[in-house]
Amino acid sequence: MEPATRALEHRVAARLRQLRADQGFTLDGLAKQSGVSRSMISLIERAESSPTASVLDKLAASLGVTLAALFAEQERSDAVPLARRADQPEWRDPATNYLRRNLSPPAFPSPIELVEVVLPPRARVAYDTASRFSIVEQQIWLLAGDIEVTVGDHIHRLAAGDCLAMPVDRPISFHNPTTEAARYLVALTTATRSSSPR
């Protein structure tokens, strides 16, 4: 495994532990809330597993954060507002081989998160989590290629240059039906709901 990938897995592990502790979840509590097994959460928190995007999304939704937030550093008041290309962490989903890169400045407080995704030919990434403890709004801007985005029961076919806005409040899947990779920008904002049941 490449050192950069290993370092990112350790960052995700530390971030998950921190978010779980900050919100008062035990391993069992988060397992019950997310539908991810206690043993899997424990392996992720020890950086001994390479979880899929779907698993990480379930955990993020239960913790009231976006998937991108699991790859980010904790916000700091002294963080710089510039993210150089070399400082933008990349992660590859072991199930689909899709590549995501956090574009936003590390640890800089901002209500907006930007992520770049490269979806391989014929790949499909599904996020089945519908219930979330935060209100997430998302826009997808397709930079290259063609993709199908299914939001609930509705399929949107996007070509290069198209932009789709959606609340993240139902199952969503991204499918590249072509033989060429697709590349798109994801912009997200999050607001906390008034109550987060445990």
C-alpha atoms as a PDB file:
ATOM      1  CA  MET A   1       0.000   0.000   0.000  1.00  0.00           C
ATOM      2  CA  GLU A   2       1.316   3.451  -0.901  1.00  0.00           C
ATOM      3  CA  PRO A   3       2.400   5.712   2.015  1.00  0.00           C
ATOM      4  CA  ALA A   4      -0.099   8.426   0.982  1.00  0.00           C
ATOM      5  CA  THR A   5      -2.971   5.927   1.038  1.00  0.00           C
ATOM      6  CA  ARG A   6      -1.863   4.589   4.405  1.00  0.00           C
ATOM      7  CA  ALA A   7      -1.616   8.110   5.811  1.00  0.00           C
ATOM      8  CA  LEU A   8      -5.133   8.902   4.608  1.00  0.00           C
ATOM      9  CA  GLU A   9      -6.525   5.731   6.203  1.00  0.00           C
ATOM     10  CA  HIS A  10      -4.949   6.836   9.503  1.00  0.00           C
ATOM     11  CA  ARG A  11      -6.527  10.280   9.080  1.00  0.00           C
ATOM     12  CA  VAL A  12      -9.962   8.718   8.493  1.00  0.00           C
ATOM     13  CA  ALA A  13      -9.445   6.467  11.527  1.00  0.00           C
ATOM     14  CA  ALA A  14      -8.548   9.384  13.793  1.00  0.00           C
ATOM     15  CA  ARG A  15     -11.350  11.562  12.425  1.00  0.00           C
ATOM     16  CA  LEU A  16     -13.961   8.844  12.943  1.00  0.00           C
ATOM     17  CA  ARG A  17     -12.800   8.224  16.529  1.00  0.00           C
ATOM     18  CA  GLN A  18     -12.881  11.946  17.245  1.00  0.00           C
ATOM     19  CA  LEU A  19     -16.343  12.532  15.757  1.00  0.00           C
ATOM     20  CA  ARG A  20     -17.763   9.509  17.550  1.00  0.00           C
ATOM     21  CA  ALA A  21     -16.307  10.643  20.880  1.00  0.00           C
ATOM     22  CA  ASP A  22     -17.410  14.275  20.386  1.00  0.00           C
ATOM     23  CA  GLN A  23     -21.000  13.133  19.843  1.00  0.00           C
ATOM     24  CA  GLY A  24     -21.041  10.676  22.717  1.00  0.00           C
ATOM     25  CA  PHE A  25     -21.432   7.518  20.662  1.00  0.00           C
ATOM     26  CA  THR A  26     -20.076   4.215  21.905  1.00  0.00           C
ATOM     27  CA  LEU A  27     -18.988   1.700  19.285  1.00  0.00           C
ATOM     28  CA  ASP A  28     -22.214  -0.193  19.901  1.00  0.00           C
ATOM     29  CA  GLY A  29     -24.269   3.005  19.695  1.00  0.00           C
ATOM     30  CA  LEU A  30     -22.782   4.052  16.372  1.00  0.00           C
ATOM     31  CA  ALA A  31     -23.171   0.511  15.039  1.00  0.00           C
ATOM     32  CA  LYS A  32     -26.872   0.529  15.933  1.00  0.00           C
ATOM     33  CA  GLN A  33     -27.371   4.014  14.469  1.00  0.00           C
ATOM     34  CA  SER A  34     -25.497   3.419  11.204  1.00  0.00           C
ATOM     35  CA  GLY A  35     -26.148  -0.231  10.447  1.00  0.00           C
ATOM     36  CA  VAL A  36     -22.386  -0.802  10.201  1.00  0.00           C
ATOM     37  CA  SER A  37     -21.158  -3.604  12.442  1.00  0.00           C
ATOM     38  CA  ARG A  38     -19.285  -2.802  15.646  1.00  0.00           C
ATOM     39  CA  SER A  39     -16.334  -4.908  14.482  1.00  0.00           C
ATOM     40  CA  MET A  40     -16.117  -3.015  11.180  1.00  0.00           C
ATOM     41  CA  ILE A  41     -16.193   0.368  12.922  1.00  0.00           C
ATOM     42  CA  SER A  42     -13.473  -0.812  15.278  1.00  0.00           C
ATOM     43  CA  LEU A  43     -11.309  -1.969  12.352  1.00  0.00           C
ATOM     44  CA  ILE A  44     -11.773   1.366  10.572  1.00  0.00           C
ATOM     45  CA  GLU A  45     -10.869   3.299  13.727  1.00  0.00           C
ATOM     46  CA  ARG A  46      -7.666   1.268  14.011  1.00  0.00           C
ATOM     47  CA  ALA A  47      -6.879   1.817  10.305  1.00  0.00           C
ATOM     48  CA  GLU A  48      -6.993  -1.952   9.807  1.00  0.00           C
ATOM     49  CA  SER A  49      -9.711  -1.936   7.147  1.00  0.00           C
ATOM     50  CA  SER A  50     -10.199  -0.276   3.767  1.00  0.00           C
ATOM     51  CA  PRO A  51     -13.913   0.584   3.957  1.00  0.00           C
ATOM     52  CA  THR A  52     -16.008   1.292   0.887  1.00  0.00           C
ATOM     53  CA  ALA A  53     -17.599   4.658   0.135  1.00  0.00           C
ATOM     54  CA  SER A  54     -21.010   3.190   1.017  1.00  0.00           C
ATOM     55  CA  VAL A  55     -19.850   2.140   4.493  1.00  0.00           C
ATOM     56  CA  LEU A  56     -18.168   5.486   5.164  1.00  0.00           C
ATOM     57  CA  ASP A  57     -21.286   7.343   4.007  1.00  0.00           C
ATOM     58  CA  LYS A  58     -23.447   5.430   6.495  1.00  0.00           C
ATOM     59  CA  LEU A  59     -21.080   6.394   9.303  1.00  0.00           C
ATOM     60  CA  ALA A  60     -20.888  10.020   8.171  1.00  0.00           C
ATOM     61  CA  ALA A  61     -24.679  10.301   7.946  1.00  0.00           C
ATOM     62  CA  SER A  62     -25.084   8.943  11.463  1.00  0.00           C
ATOM     63  CA  LEU A  63     -22.511  11.423  12.772  1.00  0.00           C
ATOM     64  CA  GLY A  64     -24.167  14.376  11.025  1.00  0.00           C
ATOM     65  CA  VAL A  65     -21.283  15.113   8.665  1.00  0.00           C
ATOM     66  CA  THR A  66     -20.586  14.652   4.978  1.00  0.00           C
ATOM     67  CA  LEU A  67     -18.459  11.878   3.558  1.00  0.00           C
ATOM     68  CA  ALA A  68     -15.868  14.529   2.644  1.00  0.00           C
ATOM     69  CA  ALA A  69     -15.621  15.510   6.324  1.00  0.00           C
ATOM     70  CA  LEU A  70     -14.256  12.055   7.210  1.00  0.00           C
ATOM     71  CA  PHE A  71     -11.226  12.786   5.017  1.00  0.00           C
ATOM     72  CA  ALA A  72     -10.756  16.346   6.272  1.00  0.00           C
ATOM     73  CA  GLU A  73      -8.739  17.637   9.180  1.00  0.00           C
ATOM     74  CA  GLN A  74     -10.455  19.063  12.238  1.00  0.00           C
ATOM     75  CA  GLU A  75     -11.162  22.769  11.763  1.00  0.00           C
ATOM     76  CA  ARG A  76      -8.606  25.169  13.251  1.00  0.00           C
ATOM     77  CA  SER A  77      -8.768  28.952  13.585  1.00  0.00           C
ATOM     78  CA  ASP A  78      -5.153  29.248  12.380  1.00  0.00           C
ATOM     79  CA  ALA A  79      -5.678  27.155   9.206  1.00  0.00           C
ATOM     80  CA  VAL A  80      -4.641  28.809   5.944  1.00  0.00           C
ATOM     81  CA  PRO A  81      -7.364  29.462   3.322  1.00  0.00           C
ATOM     82  CA  LEU A  82      -5.360  27.967   0.463  1.00  0.00           C
ATOM     83  CA  ALA A  83      -5.139  24.313  -0.560  1.00  0.00           C
ATOM     84  CA  ARG A  84      -2.235  23.564  -2.849  1.00  0.00           C
ATOM     85  CA  ARG A  85      -2.675  20.614  -5.187  1.00  0.00           C
ATOM     86  CA  ALA A  86      -0.150  18.599  -3.184  1.00  0.00           C
ATOM     87  CA  ASP A  87      -2.183  19.130  -0.004  1.00  0.00           C
ATOM     88  CA  GLN A  88      -5.474  17.823  -1.411  1.00  0.00           C
ATOM     89  CA  PRO A  89      -5.937  14.235  -0.163  1.00  0.00           C
ATOM     90  CA  GLU A  90      -7.013  11.575  -2.655  1.00  0.00           C
ATOM     91  CA  TRP A  91      -8.863   8.380  -1.822  1.00  0.00           C
ATOM     92  CA  ARG A  92      -9.816   5.445  -4.023  1.00  0.00           C
ATOM     93  CA  ASP A  93     -12.910   3.385  -3.242  1.00  0.00           C
ATOM     94  CA  PRO A  94     -11.807  -0.254  -2.987  1.00  0.00           C
ATOM     95  CA  ALA A  95     -15.178  -1.498  -4.292  1.00  0.00           C
ATOM     96  CA  THR A  96     -15.512   0.611  -7.459  1.00  0.00           C
ATOM     97  CA  ASN A  97     -12.052   2.126  -7.973  1.00  0.00           C
ATOM     98  CA  TYR A  98     -13.567   5.610  -8.144  1.00  0.00           C
ATOM     99  CA  LEU A  99     -11.207   8.395  -7.069  1.00  0.00           C
ATOM    100  CA  ARG A 100     -12.204  11.334  -4.887  1.00  0.00           C
ATOM    101  CA  ARG A 101     -10.062  14.337  -3.996  1.00  0.00           C
ATOM    102  CA  ASN A 102     -10.903  16.848  -1.258  1.00  0.00           C
ATOM    103  CA  LEU A 103     -10.255  20.259  -2.811  1.00  0.00           C
ATOM    104  CA  SER A 104     -11.105  22.499   0.138  1.00  0.00           C
ATOM    105  CA  PRO A 105      -8.311  23.987   2.279  1.00  0.00           C
ATOM    106  CA  PRO A 106      -7.457  21.536   5.083  1.00  0.00           C
ATOM    107  CA  ALA A 107      -8.889  22.491   8.488  1.00  0.00           C
ATOM    108  CA  PHE A 108     -10.095  25.891   7.241  1.00  0.00           C
ATOM    109  CA  PRO A 109     -13.545  26.769   8.683  1.00  0.00           C
ATOM    110  CA  SER A 110     -16.009  27.070   5.805  1.00  0.00           C
ATOM    111  CA  PRO A 111     -19.667  26.122   5.198  1.00  0.00           C
ATOM    112  CA  ILE A 112     -18.730  24.804   1.736  1.00  0.00           C
ATOM    113  CA  GLU A 113     -16.873  21.605   0.873  1.00  0.00           C
ATOM    114  CA  LEU A 114     -15.535  20.910  -2.614  1.00  0.00           C
ATOM    115  CA  VAL A 115     -14.664  17.445  -3.889  1.00  0.00           C
ATOM    116  CA  GLU A 116     -13.486  16.255  -7.303  1.00  0.00           C
ATOM    117  CA  VAL A 117     -14.510  12.755  -8.387  1.00  0.00           C
ATOM    118  CA  VAL A 118     -13.260  10.577 -11.236  1.00  0.00           C
ATOM    119  CA  LEU A 119     -15.755   7.802 -11.964  1.00  0.00           C
ATOM    120  CA  PRO A 120     -14.255   4.943 -14.013  1.00  0.00           C
ATOM    121  CA  PRO A 121     -15.982   3.502 -17.073  1.00  0.00           C
ATOM    122  CA  ARG A 122     -19.044   1.365 -16.221  1.00  0.00           C
ATOM    123  CA  ALA A 123     -18.629   2.091 -12.498  1.00  0.00           C
ATOM    124  CA  ARG A 124     -21.572   2.621 -10.161  1.00  0.00           C
ATOM    125  CA  VAL A 125     -21.357   4.139  -6.664  1.00  0.00           C
ATOM    126  CA  ALA A 126     -24.463   3.919  -4.482  1.00  0.00           C
ATOM    127  CA  TYR A 127     -25.178   5.798  -1.267  1.00  0.00           C
ATOM    128  CA  ASP A 128     -28.189   4.128   0.323  1.00  0.00           C
ATOM    129  CA  THR A 129     -28.457   6.325   3.404  1.00  0.00           C
ATOM    130  CA  ALA A 130     -31.683   8.337   3.366  1.00  0.00           C
ATOM    131  CA  SER A 131     -32.033   9.435   7.009  1.00  0.00           C
ATOM    132  CA  ARG A 132     -29.392  11.936   8.121  1.00  0.00           C
ATOM    133  CA  PHE A 133     -28.833  14.010  11.238  1.00  0.00           C
ATOM    134  CA  SER A 134     -27.745  16.998   9.217  1.00  0.00           C
ATOM    135  CA  ILE A 135     -29.225  18.829   6.261  1.00  0.00           C
ATOM    136  CA  VAL A 136     -26.871  18.391   3.300  1.00  0.00           C
ATOM    137  CA  GLU A 137     -27.294  20.274   0.038  1.00  0.00           C
ATOM    138  CA  GLN A 138     -25.208  19.153  -2.922  1.00  0.00           C
ATOM    139  CA  GLN A 139     -24.508  20.275  -6.470  1.00  0.00           C
ATOM    140  CA  ILE A 140     -22.803  18.160  -9.110  1.00  0.00           C
ATOM    141  CA  TRP A 141     -21.039  19.887 -11.999  1.00  0.00           C
ATOM    142  CA  LEU A 142     -19.934  17.446 -14.685  1.00  0.00           C
ATOM    143  CA  LEU A 143     -16.553  18.484 -16.061  1.00  0.00           C
ATOM    144  CA  ALA A 144     -15.992  15.642 -18.530  1.00  0.00           C
ATOM    145  CA  GLY A 145     -17.833  12.548 -19.743  1.00  0.00           C
ATOM    146  CA  ASP A 146     -21.408  11.413 -19.156  1.00  0.00           C
ATOM    147  CA  ILE A 147     -23.034  10.075 -15.995  1.00  0.00           C
ATOM    148  CA  GLU A 148     -26.424   9.025 -14.678  1.00  0.00           C
ATOM    149  CA  VAL A 149     -27.358  10.299 -11.216  1.00  0.00           C
ATOM    150  CA  THR A 150     -30.291   8.535  -9.576  1.00  0.00           C
ATOM    151  CA  VAL A 151     -31.913  10.535  -6.779  1.00  0.00           C
ATOM    152  CA  GLY A 152     -34.583   8.429  -5.135  1.00  0.00           C
ATOM    153  CA  ASP A 153     -36.558   7.092  -8.097  1.00  0.00           C
ATOM    154  CA  HIS A 154     -35.577   9.795 -10.587  1.00  0.00           C
ATOM    155  CA  ILE A 155     -32.682   9.368 -13.056  1.00  0.00           C
ATOM    156  CA  HIS A 156     -30.813  12.461 -14.287  1.00  0.00           C
ATOM    157  CA  ARG A 157     -28.557  12.013 -17.315  1.00  0.00           C
ATOM    158  CA  LEU A 158     -25.737  14.546 -17.263  1.00  0.00           C
ATOM    159  CA  ALA A 159     -23.334  15.569 -20.029  1.00  0.00           C
ATOM    160  CA  ALA A 160     -20.204  17.701 -19.704  1.00  0.00           C
ATOM    161  CA  GLY A 161     -21.111  21.171 -18.454  1.00  0.00           C
ATOM    162  CA  ASP A 162     -24.409  20.134 -16.816  1.00  0.00           C
ATOM    163  CA  CYS A 163     -25.007  20.977 -13.156  1.00  0.00           C
ATOM    164  CA  LEU A 164     -27.483  19.159 -10.882  1.00  0.00           C
ATOM    165  CA  ALA A 165     -28.606  20.470  -7.474  1.00  0.00           C
ATOM    166  CA  MET A 166     -30.156  18.173  -4.882  1.00  0.00           C
ATOM    167  CA  PRO A 167     -30.748  17.742  -1.173  1.00  0.00           C
ATOM    168  CA  VAL A 168     -29.005  14.631   0.144  1.00  0.00           C
ATOM    169  CA  ASP A 169     -32.077  13.161   1.830  1.00  0.00           C
ATOM    170  CA  ARG A 170     -32.707   9.956  -0.115  1.00  0.00           C
ATOM    171  CA  PRO A 171     -30.649   7.159  -1.685  1.00  0.00           C
ATOM    172  CA  ILE A 172     -28.383   8.463  -4.455  1.00  0.00           C
ATOM    173  CA  SER A 173     -26.281   6.599  -6.996  1.00  0.00           C
ATOM    174  CA  PHE A 174     -23.767   7.679  -9.619  1.00  0.00           C
ATOM    175  CA  HIS A 175     -23.314   5.545 -12.724  1.00  0.00           C
ATOM    176  CA  ASN A 176     -20.917   5.971 -15.619  1.00  0.00           C
ATOM    177  CA  PRO A 177     -22.535   3.988 -18.467  1.00  0.00           C
ATOM    178  CA  THR A 178     -19.784   4.820 -20.955  1.00  0.00           C
ATOM    179  CA  THR A 179     -16.346   3.439 -21.815  1.00  0.00           C
ATOM    180  CA  GLU A 180     -14.597   6.686 -20.813  1.00  0.00           C
ATOM    181  CA  ALA A 181     -13.910   8.016 -17.321  1.00  0.00           C
ATOM    182  CA  ALA A 182     -16.165  10.834 -16.098  1.00  0.00           C
ATOM    183  CA  ARG A 183     -14.962  13.700 -13.913  1.00  0.00           C
ATOM    184  CA  TYR A 184     -17.172  15.949 -11.817  1.00  0.00           C
ATOM    185  CA  LEU A 185     -17.086  18.538  -9.064  1.00  0.00           C
ATOM    186  CA  VAL A 186     -19.204  18.120  -5.939  1.00  0.00           C
ATOM    187  CA  ALA A 187     -20.077  21.175  -3.828  1.00  0.00           C
ATOM    188  CA  LEU A 188     -21.672  20.526  -0.425  1.00  0.00           C
ATOM    189  CA  THR A 189     -23.091  22.580   2.422  1.00  0.00           C
ATOM    190  CA  THR A 190     -24.290  21.221   5.754  1.00  0.00           C
ATOM    191  CA  ALA A 191     -26.630  22.550   8.424  1.00  0.00           C
ATOM    192  CA  THR A 192     -27.272  20.725  11.692  1.00  0.00           C
ATOM    193  CA  ARG A 193     -30.808  19.627  12.453  1.00  0.00           C
ATOM    194  CA  SER A 194     -32.400  20.872  15.668  1.00  0.00           C
ATOM    195  CA  SER A 195     -32.137  17.470  17.343  1.00  0.00           C
ATOM    196  CA  SER A 196     -30.042  14.382  16.743  1.00  0.00           C
ATOM    197  CA  PRO A 197     -31.619  11.315  18.349  1.00  0.00           C
ATOM    198  CA  ARG A 198     -29.263   8.713  19.746  1.00  0.00           C
END
